[in-house]
Amino acid sequence: MKIFAITFLICSLLFSGEGFSQDQSAKWSVKTAQSFIKRFPNPDTMYCCGNTNHFSWQAGYVMFAMEKIWKSTGDPTYFNYIKRYVDQQVDEHGNIPDFKDNALDNFLPGYAILLMYEQTHQEKYRIAATKIRKGFDNYPRNSNGLFWHGVWATNQTWVDGLFMGQIFLARYGKTIGDSEYAFNEVVKQITTVASVCQKPNGLLWHGWDESKKAGWANKTTGLAPEVWSEGLGWYAVLLADVFDYLPKDHPGYQQILAIHKKLCKGIKENQDTKTGMWCQVVDKPNDPRNWNETSGTGMYIYLLKRSIERGLIPSEEFNPVIQKAYSGMVKKAKVNDQGFIDLIDCSSIGIQNSTEDYFNSPKEVSPFGAFGSFIIATNILENTK
């Protein structure tokens, strides 16, 4: 009891301090987002793994999450953080010096540029977004039309890459134009990857190599060994938000809806019954080698809650799943010695060569992707009216 009381007191003092919204201090979404901004006040310090390119998925996904909480709370802190990031990337002529169209990961920050154009109508943002859109014109594909994950990943399609490219393209089609290409491409990528990677249980294998030459690829099917938590999570978030942009009368709308419903069912049926979370290898929750993974759990919460809001899945069936998952996930948030929120038991790996490699991947602390997932999940539950 003494430990609990001390921990509670520390958290109370921390989150009632300067820079934190006192009237929302109990909300994990607000606490985490504000802690993150204080930890990384300059978004150009947001990169990892020896990569110093600021225009890639790490910052792009954090900005995606900050937009969600800005729209929910109305707090300009989050919008200003996004604007600072975008204006550090886009010059007055609409050039983006750090954008490279050699990997789908690099397209995601364009989503924040589209937000800036929607809010300000400044021409430089439209020009910049259009340059990113043109990056798809000569981007390498497999014979079925699926984009490679990167030019270095010859013939490889990863399900996480679908989100990086297609959430930008879907918004571009609605906000800027070229909608026939944009919406058709989005539908093609979502449905084709499902035709290759979606399992009978509704979940998707981590990736597919058309050449079957990658070390991880099954020599008969070309598929990755397992369903990875965060990898499937990116696809889940894409399916959660694509209906914001794709017109209901588009010929592919119903196809995506069928994939979506099958995915939601699979996620529900593979929840860890003990903790409410989802595991590193999603459809092996009872394997003793497996472990609860924080980022993917946040993504699945987001998908299911958004789907309930749209009336696509029944609330009476899925709300208990969401609430149990939230209760498990927030236990993974800890206050570190510097007073910032850390997220434990996270995974931000690439495709692994074996089931054992997925199980044995390090349990990371506070990778950028996990913050994005944690914020969108807690925000949609805590701030939605």
Protein backbone atom coordinates (compact mmCIF):
# COMPACT_ATOMS: atom_id res chain seq x y z
CA MET A 1 0.00 0.00 0.00
CA LYS A 2 2.86 2.39 0.79
CA ILE A 3 4.41 1.77 -2.65
CA PHE A 4 1.06 2.41 -4.32
CA ALA A 5 0.54 5.64 -2.37
CA ILE A 6 4.00 6.93 -3.19
CA THR A 7 3.60 6.09 -6.89
CA PHE A 8 0.21 7.81 -6.95
CA LEU A 9 1.65 10.92 -5.27
CA ILE A 10 4.54 11.12 -7.73
CA CYS A 11 2.22 10.81 -10.71
CA SER A 12 -0.16 13.40 -9.26
CA LEU A 13 2.63 15.89 -8.74
CA LEU A 14 4.12 15.25 -12.15
CA PHE A 15 0.93 15.66 -14.11
CA SER A 16 -0.37 18.69 -12.23
CA GLY A 17 2.81 20.60 -13.01
CA GLU A 18 3.55 23.25 -15.59
CA GLY A 19 2.66 22.26 -19.15
CA PHE A 20 0.07 19.63 -18.22
CA SER A 21 -3.67 20.22 -18.52
CA GLN A 22 -4.86 19.94 -14.96
CA ASP A 23 -8.51 19.44 -15.85
CA GLN A 24 -7.56 16.39 -17.93
CA SER A 25 -4.75 15.13 -15.73
CA ALA A 26 -6.31 11.70 -15.27
CA LYS A 27 -6.30 11.00 -19.00
CA TRP A 28 -3.46 8.85 -20.25
CA SER A 29 -3.81 10.31 -23.74
CA VAL A 30 -3.19 13.87 -22.56
CA LYS A 31 -0.48 12.93 -20.08
CA THR A 32 1.40 10.89 -22.66
CA ALA A 33 1.11 13.38 -25.51
CA GLN A 34 2.23 16.29 -23.34
CA SER A 35 5.04 14.26 -21.82
CA PHE A 36 6.21 13.35 -25.32
CA ILE A 37 6.27 16.97 -26.47
CA LYS A 38 8.24 18.00 -23.41
CA ARG A 39 10.66 15.14 -24.05
CA PHE A 40 11.07 15.97 -27.75
CA PRO A 41 10.28 19.70 -28.01
CA ASN A 42 12.05 19.82 -31.36
CA PRO A 43 10.42 17.20 -33.60
CA ASP A 44 13.54 17.09 -35.76
CA THR A 45 15.17 15.03 -33.02
CA MET A 46 12.70 12.25 -33.77
CA TYR A 47 14.50 9.46 -35.59
CA CYS A 48 16.02 6.16 -34.67
CA CYS A 49 18.21 3.24 -35.61
CA GLY A 50 21.10 5.31 -36.92
CA ASN A 51 18.84 7.04 -39.45
CA THR A 52 19.03 10.84 -39.26
CA ASN A 53 16.35 11.46 -41.91
CA HIS A 54 13.61 13.48 -40.22
CA PHE A 55 11.13 12.78 -43.01
CA SER A 56 10.12 9.20 -42.32
CA TRP A 57 7.56 7.11 -40.53
CA GLN A 58 8.65 7.75 -36.93
CA ALA A 59 7.79 11.43 -37.00
CA GLY A 60 4.95 10.83 -39.45
CA TYR A 61 3.15 8.46 -37.11
CA VAL A 62 3.62 10.71 -34.07
CA MET A 63 2.11 13.60 -36.06
CA PHE A 64 -0.76 11.31 -37.07
CA ALA A 65 -1.44 10.73 -33.36
CA MET A 66 -1.03 14.39 -32.41
CA GLU A 67 -3.66 15.33 -34.98
CA LYS A 68 -6.11 12.90 -33.37
CA ILE A 69 -5.68 14.37 -29.91
CA TRP A 70 -5.74 17.94 -31.22
CA LYS A 71 -9.10 17.32 -32.88
CA SER A 72 -10.47 15.64 -29.75
CA THR A 73 -9.30 18.19 -27.18
CA GLY A 74 -9.00 21.42 -29.16
CA ASP A 75 -5.70 22.12 -27.42
CA PRO A 76 -3.53 24.13 -29.88
CA THR A 77 -0.35 22.68 -28.34
CA TYR A 78 -0.71 19.62 -30.54
CA PHE A 79 -1.48 21.50 -33.74
CA ASN A 80 1.47 23.82 -33.16
CA TYR A 81 3.75 20.83 -32.67
CA ILE A 82 2.64 19.36 -35.99
CA LYS A 83 3.05 22.71 -37.73
CA ARG A 84 6.54 23.12 -36.35
CA TYR A 85 7.48 19.71 -37.71
CA VAL A 86 5.99 20.36 -41.15
CA ASP A 87 7.55 23.79 -41.46
CA GLN A 88 10.94 22.33 -40.62
CA GLN A 89 10.54 20.00 -43.63
CA VAL A 90 8.80 22.17 -46.24
CA ASP A 91 10.39 25.38 -47.52
CA GLU A 92 8.53 28.43 -48.85
CA HIS A 93 8.56 27.01 -52.37
CA GLY A 94 7.07 23.67 -51.38
CA ASN A 95 10.33 21.74 -51.58
CA ILE A 96 11.00 18.88 -49.15
CA PRO A 97 14.77 18.38 -49.11
CA ASP A 98 14.64 15.22 -46.97
CA PHE A 99 11.89 13.38 -48.87
CA LYS A 100 13.13 10.30 -50.71
CA ASP A 101 10.68 8.17 -52.69
CA ASN A 102 12.69 4.98 -52.15
CA ALA A 103 10.63 3.47 -49.30
CA LEU A 104 6.96 3.56 -48.33
CA ASP A 105 8.01 4.60 -44.81
CA ASN A 106 9.00 7.99 -46.22
CA PHE A 107 5.53 8.85 -47.55
CA LEU A 108 3.77 8.96 -44.17
CA PRO A 109 4.84 12.49 -43.09
CA GLY A 110 2.96 13.77 -46.13
CA TYR A 111 -0.21 13.11 -44.15
CA ALA A 112 0.68 16.00 -41.80
CA ILE A 113 1.40 18.25 -44.78
CA LEU A 114 -2.14 17.60 -46.00
CA LEU A 115 -3.47 18.66 -42.60
CA MET A 116 -1.55 21.93 -42.89
CA TYR A 117 -2.98 22.55 -46.35
CA GLU A 118 -6.52 21.84 -45.15
CA GLN A 119 -6.14 24.27 -42.26
CA THR A 120 -4.21 27.10 -43.96
CA HIS A 121 -4.66 26.66 -47.74
CA GLN A 122 -1.08 27.80 -48.20
CA GLU A 123 0.15 26.89 -51.64
CA LYS A 124 3.50 25.58 -50.43
CA TYR A 125 1.76 22.71 -48.67
CA ARG A 126 -0.21 21.76 -51.77
CA ILE A 127 2.97 21.80 -53.85
CA ALA A 128 4.82 19.69 -51.28
CA ALA A 129 2.00 17.14 -51.03
CA THR A 130 1.87 16.84 -54.81
CA LYS A 131 5.59 16.10 -54.94
CA ILE A 132 5.05 13.25 -52.52
CA ARG A 133 2.08 12.00 -54.57
CA LYS A 134 4.29 11.88 -57.68
CA GLY A 135 6.67 9.63 -55.80
CA PHE A 136 4.27 6.78 -56.49
CA ASP A 137 4.46 7.19 -60.29
CA ASN A 138 7.64 5.17 -60.75
CA TYR A 139 7.67 3.35 -57.44
CA PRO A 140 8.61 -0.37 -57.85
CA ARG A 141 5.87 -3.00 -57.71
CA ASN A 142 5.36 -6.72 -57.85
CA SER A 143 3.60 -8.26 -60.83
CA ASN A 144 0.23 -8.08 -59.04
CA GLY A 145 0.66 -4.33 -58.48
CA LEU A 146 1.68 -4.40 -54.81
CA PHE A 147 4.31 -1.83 -53.91
CA TRP A 148 7.65 -3.03 -52.60
CA HIS A 149 8.32 -2.01 -49.02
CA GLY A 150 11.43 -0.21 -50.25
CA VAL A 151 13.79 -0.30 -53.19
CA TRP A 152 16.14 -2.33 -51.00
CA ALA A 153 13.38 -4.89 -50.33
CA THR A 154 13.21 -6.35 -53.82
CA ASN A 155 9.81 -7.97 -54.50
CA GLN A 156 8.85 -7.67 -50.83
CA THR A 157 5.48 -6.32 -49.66
CA TRP A 158 5.09 -5.74 -45.91
CA VAL A 159 1.62 -5.16 -44.48
CA ASP A 160 2.91 -2.27 -42.34
CA GLY A 161 3.97 -0.46 -45.52
CA LEU A 162 0.36 -0.33 -46.69
CA PHE A 163 -0.44 2.20 -43.99
CA MET A 164 2.64 4.34 -44.66
CA GLY A 165 1.75 4.94 -48.28
CA GLN A 166 -1.99 4.51 -48.58
CA ILE A 167 -3.23 6.63 -45.68
CA PHE A 168 -1.43 9.56 -47.31
CA LEU A 169 -2.79 8.73 -50.75
CA ALA A 170 -6.37 8.36 -49.50
CA ARG A 171 -6.29 11.79 -47.87
CA TYR A 172 -4.57 13.28 -50.90
CA GLY A 173 -7.38 12.06 -53.14
CA LYS A 174 -9.99 13.82 -51.01
CA THR A 175 -8.02 16.97 -50.14
CA ILE A 176 -5.99 17.81 -53.24
CA GLY A 177 -7.42 15.82 -56.13
CA ASP A 178 -6.33 13.15 -58.61
CA SER A 179 -8.98 11.16 -56.79
CA GLU A 180 -9.57 8.54 -59.46
CA TYR A 181 -5.96 7.37 -59.29
CA ALA A 182 -5.67 7.84 -55.55
CA PHE A 183 -8.78 5.90 -54.55
CA ASN A 184 -8.21 3.16 -57.12
CA GLU A 185 -4.65 2.68 -55.92
CA VAL A 186 -5.69 2.60 -52.27
CA VAL A 187 -8.31 -0.05 -53.01
CA LYS A 188 -5.90 -2.06 -55.13
CA GLN A 189 -3.21 -2.12 -52.44
CA ILE A 190 -5.60 -2.97 -49.57
CA THR A 191 -7.49 -5.70 -51.38
CA THR A 192 -4.53 -7.26 -53.16
CA VAL A 193 -2.44 -7.59 -50.01
CA ALA A 194 -5.44 -9.20 -48.31
CA SER A 195 -5.80 -11.68 -51.16
CA VAL A 196 -2.19 -12.72 -50.63
CA CYS A 197 -1.67 -12.35 -46.86
CA GLN A 198 -5.03 -12.65 -45.09
CA LYS A 199 -5.37 -15.93 -43.22
CA PRO A 200 -8.64 -17.82 -42.69
CA ASN A 201 -8.71 -16.39 -39.14
CA GLY A 202 -8.85 -12.83 -40.56
CA LEU A 203 -5.31 -11.78 -39.61
CA LEU A 204 -2.53 -11.06 -42.10
CA TRP A 205 0.93 -12.55 -42.39
CA HIS A 206 3.65 -9.96 -41.80
CA GLY A 207 4.70 -9.88 -45.45
CA TRP A 208 5.06 -11.56 -48.82
CA ASP A 209 8.04 -11.93 -51.17
CA GLU A 210 7.00 -12.61 -54.74
CA SER A 211 10.47 -13.92 -55.59
CA LYS A 212 10.54 -16.17 -52.49
CA LYS A 213 14.24 -15.32 -52.13
CA ALA A 214 14.20 -13.45 -48.82
CA GLY A 215 15.55 -15.41 -45.86
CA TRP A 216 12.20 -15.13 -44.10
CA ALA A 217 10.03 -16.11 -47.08
CA ASN A 218 8.34 -19.50 -47.27
CA LYS A 219 9.83 -21.16 -50.33
CA THR A 220 6.39 -22.26 -51.56
CA THR A 221 4.14 -19.33 -50.68
CA GLY A 222 6.60 -16.46 -50.21
CA LEU A 223 4.85 -15.55 -46.95
CA ALA A 224 6.48 -14.41 -43.71
CA PRO A 225 6.55 -16.89 -40.82
CA GLU A 226 4.05 -15.16 -38.54
CA VAL A 227 1.50 -12.43 -37.86
CA TRP A 228 3.45 -9.65 -36.14
CA SER A 229 1.62 -7.39 -33.69
CA GLU A 230 2.65 -3.93 -34.88
CA GLY A 231 2.86 -4.96 -38.53
CA LEU A 232 -0.77 -6.06 -38.59
CA GLY A 233 -1.53 -3.01 -36.47
CA TRP A 234 -0.53 -0.59 -39.21
CA TYR A 235 -2.94 -2.33 -41.57
CA ALA A 236 -5.64 -2.19 -38.87
CA VAL A 237 -5.22 1.58 -38.46
CA LEU A 238 -5.41 2.02 -42.24
CA LEU A 239 -8.69 0.11 -42.31
CA ALA A 240 -9.95 2.14 -39.37
CA ASP A 241 -9.44 5.46 -41.19
CA VAL A 242 -9.69 4.71 -44.90
CA PHE A 243 -13.47 5.16 -44.77
CA ASP A 244 -12.87 8.83 -43.87
CA TYR A 245 -11.74 9.30 -47.45
CA LEU A 246 -12.96 6.50 -49.72
CA PRO A 247 -16.39 7.30 -51.19
CA LYS A 248 -19.13 4.81 -50.36
CA ASP A 249 -20.00 4.46 -54.04
CA HIS A 250 -16.46 3.41 -55.00
CA PRO A 251 -16.52 -0.10 -56.51
CA GLY A 252 -13.94 -1.30 -53.98
CA TYR A 253 -15.73 -0.02 -50.89
CA GLN A 254 -17.60 -3.24 -50.17
CA GLN A 255 -14.48 -5.35 -50.77
CA ILE A 256 -12.60 -3.40 -48.15
CA LEU A 257 -15.56 -3.61 -45.79
CA ALA A 258 -15.54 -7.41 -46.04
CA ILE A 259 -11.80 -7.53 -45.30
CA HIS A 260 -12.33 -5.14 -42.40
CA LYS A 261 -15.07 -7.19 -40.74
CA LYS A 262 -13.04 -10.38 -41.08
CA LEU A 263 -10.05 -8.64 -39.51
CA CYS A 264 -12.06 -7.29 -36.57
CA LYS A 265 -13.41 -10.76 -35.87
CA GLY A 266 -9.91 -12.24 -35.97
CA ILE A 267 -8.55 -9.61 -33.62
CA LYS A 268 -11.34 -10.25 -31.13
CA GLU A 269 -10.83 -14.02 -31.22
CA ASN A 270 -7.08 -13.76 -30.63
CA GLN A 271 -7.13 -11.44 -27.63
CA ASP A 272 -5.12 -12.65 -24.64
CA THR A 273 -7.86 -13.61 -22.20
CA LYS A 274 -5.63 -13.04 -19.16
CA THR A 275 -4.44 -9.48 -19.80
CA GLY A 276 -6.79 -8.21 -22.51
CA MET A 277 -3.81 -7.27 -24.67
CA TRP A 278 -2.58 -8.80 -27.90
CA CYS A 279 0.69 -10.64 -28.30
CA GLN A 280 3.85 -10.21 -30.34
CA VAL A 281 2.74 -13.15 -32.50
CA VAL A 282 -0.92 -12.26 -32.59
CA ASP A 283 -2.59 -15.60 -33.18
CA LYS A 284 -0.50 -17.60 -30.73
CA PRO A 285 -1.65 -16.00 -27.44
CA ASN A 286 -1.40 -19.27 -25.50
CA ASP A 287 2.19 -20.05 -26.43
CA PRO A 288 4.34 -19.66 -23.28
CA ARG A 289 7.12 -18.07 -25.35
CA ASN A 290 4.83 -15.24 -26.48
CA TRP A 291 4.43 -11.88 -24.77
CA ASN A 292 2.01 -8.95 -24.66
CA GLU A 293 3.02 -6.19 -27.06
CA THR A 294 1.96 -2.62 -26.32
CA SER A 295 1.96 -0.86 -29.70
CA GLY A 296 -0.12 -3.41 -31.58
CA THR A 297 -2.60 -3.49 -28.71
CA GLY A 298 -3.14 0.25 -29.07
CA MET A 299 -3.71 -0.10 -32.79
CA TYR A 300 -6.33 -2.83 -32.37
CA ILE A 301 -8.15 -0.79 -29.73
CA TYR A 302 -8.26 2.08 -32.19
CA LEU A 303 -9.60 -0.06 -35.04
CA LEU A 304 -12.33 -1.64 -32.95
CA LYS A 305 -13.48 1.61 -31.34
CA ARG A 306 -13.60 3.48 -34.65
CA SER A 307 -15.50 0.59 -36.18
CA ILE A 308 -18.09 0.73 -33.40
CA GLU A 309 -18.45 4.48 -33.93
CA ARG A 310 -19.13 3.89 -37.62
CA GLY A 311 -21.69 1.20 -36.88
CA LEU A 312 -19.61 -1.45 -38.66
CA ILE A 313 -19.34 -3.85 -35.72
CA PRO A 314 -21.72 -4.34 -32.75
CA SER A 315 -20.80 -2.39 -29.62
CA GLU A 316 -22.26 -4.99 -27.26
CA GLU A 317 -19.87 -7.60 -28.66
CA PHE A 318 -16.72 -5.51 -29.01
CA ASN A 319 -16.87 -2.93 -26.20
CA PRO A 320 -15.90 -5.49 -23.52
CA VAL A 321 -12.92 -6.46 -25.69
CA ILE A 322 -11.84 -2.83 -25.95
CA GLN A 323 -12.23 -2.05 -22.26
CA LYS A 324 -10.25 -5.09 -21.21
CA ALA A 325 -7.51 -4.22 -23.69
CA TYR A 326 -7.32 -0.63 -22.44
CA SER A 327 -6.99 -1.82 -18.84
CA GLY A 328 -4.11 -4.08 -19.81
CA MET A 329 -2.35 -1.57 -22.05
CA VAL A 330 -2.20 1.36 -19.62
CA LYS A 331 -0.31 -0.86 -17.18
CA LYS A 332 2.57 -0.66 -19.67
CA ALA A 333 2.96 3.10 -19.10
CA LYS A 334 5.58 4.01 -16.51
CA VAL A 335 7.09 7.26 -15.26
CA ASN A 336 10.88 7.18 -15.65
CA ASP A 337 13.60 8.84 -13.56
CA GLN A 338 13.45 11.99 -15.69
CA GLY A 339 9.72 12.34 -15.09
CA PHE A 340 8.70 11.32 -18.62
CA ILE A 341 6.28 8.56 -19.52
CA ASP A 342 7.89 5.41 -20.88
CA LEU A 343 6.06 2.62 -22.65
CA ILE A 344 7.40 -0.87 -22.02
CA ASP A 345 7.09 -4.20 -23.86
CA CYS A 346 7.09 -2.75 -27.35
CA SER A 347 8.35 -4.09 -30.66
CA SER A 348 9.47 -2.16 -33.75
CA ILE A 349 11.22 -4.90 -35.71
CA GLY A 350 11.27 -5.81 -39.38
CA ILE A 351 10.23 -9.21 -40.72
CA GLN A 352 11.90 -12.06 -38.85
CA ASN A 353 13.18 -15.36 -40.22
CA SER A 354 11.32 -17.67 -37.84
CA THR A 355 8.66 -17.94 -35.16
CA GLU A 356 11.41 -18.12 -32.54
CA ASP A 357 12.91 -14.88 -33.81
CA TYR A 358 9.60 -13.08 -33.25
CA PHE A 359 9.29 -14.46 -29.75
CA ASN A 360 12.90 -13.62 -28.93
CA SER A 361 12.84 -10.06 -30.29
CA PRO A 362 13.75 -7.50 -27.63
CA LYS A 363 11.04 -5.97 -25.51
CA GLU A 364 11.75 -2.35 -26.36
CA VAL A 365 11.12 0.68 -24.18
CA SER A 366 9.52 3.76 -25.76
CA PRO A 367 10.08 3.37 -29.50
CA PHE A 368 8.33 6.15 -31.42
CA GLY A 369 5.72 3.88 -32.96
CA ALA A 370 4.45 2.80 -29.56
CA PHE A 371 3.74 6.41 -28.55
CA GLY A 372 1.65 6.92 -31.66
CA SER A 373 -0.34 3.76 -30.98
CA PHE A 374 -0.78 4.43 -27.26
CA ILE A 375 -1.99 7.98 -27.89
CA ILE A 376 -4.53 7.13 -30.59
CA ALA A 377 -5.93 4.29 -28.48
CA THR A 378 -6.23 6.20 -25.21
CA ASN A 379 -7.44 9.33 -26.99
CA ILE A 380 -10.32 7.63 -28.77
CA LEU A 381 -11.54 6.13 -25.49
CA GLU A 382 -10.87 9.06 -23.16
CA ASN A 383 -11.71 12.11 -25.28
CA THR A 384 -14.50 10.96 -27.60
CA LYS A 385 -17.83 12.49 -26.66
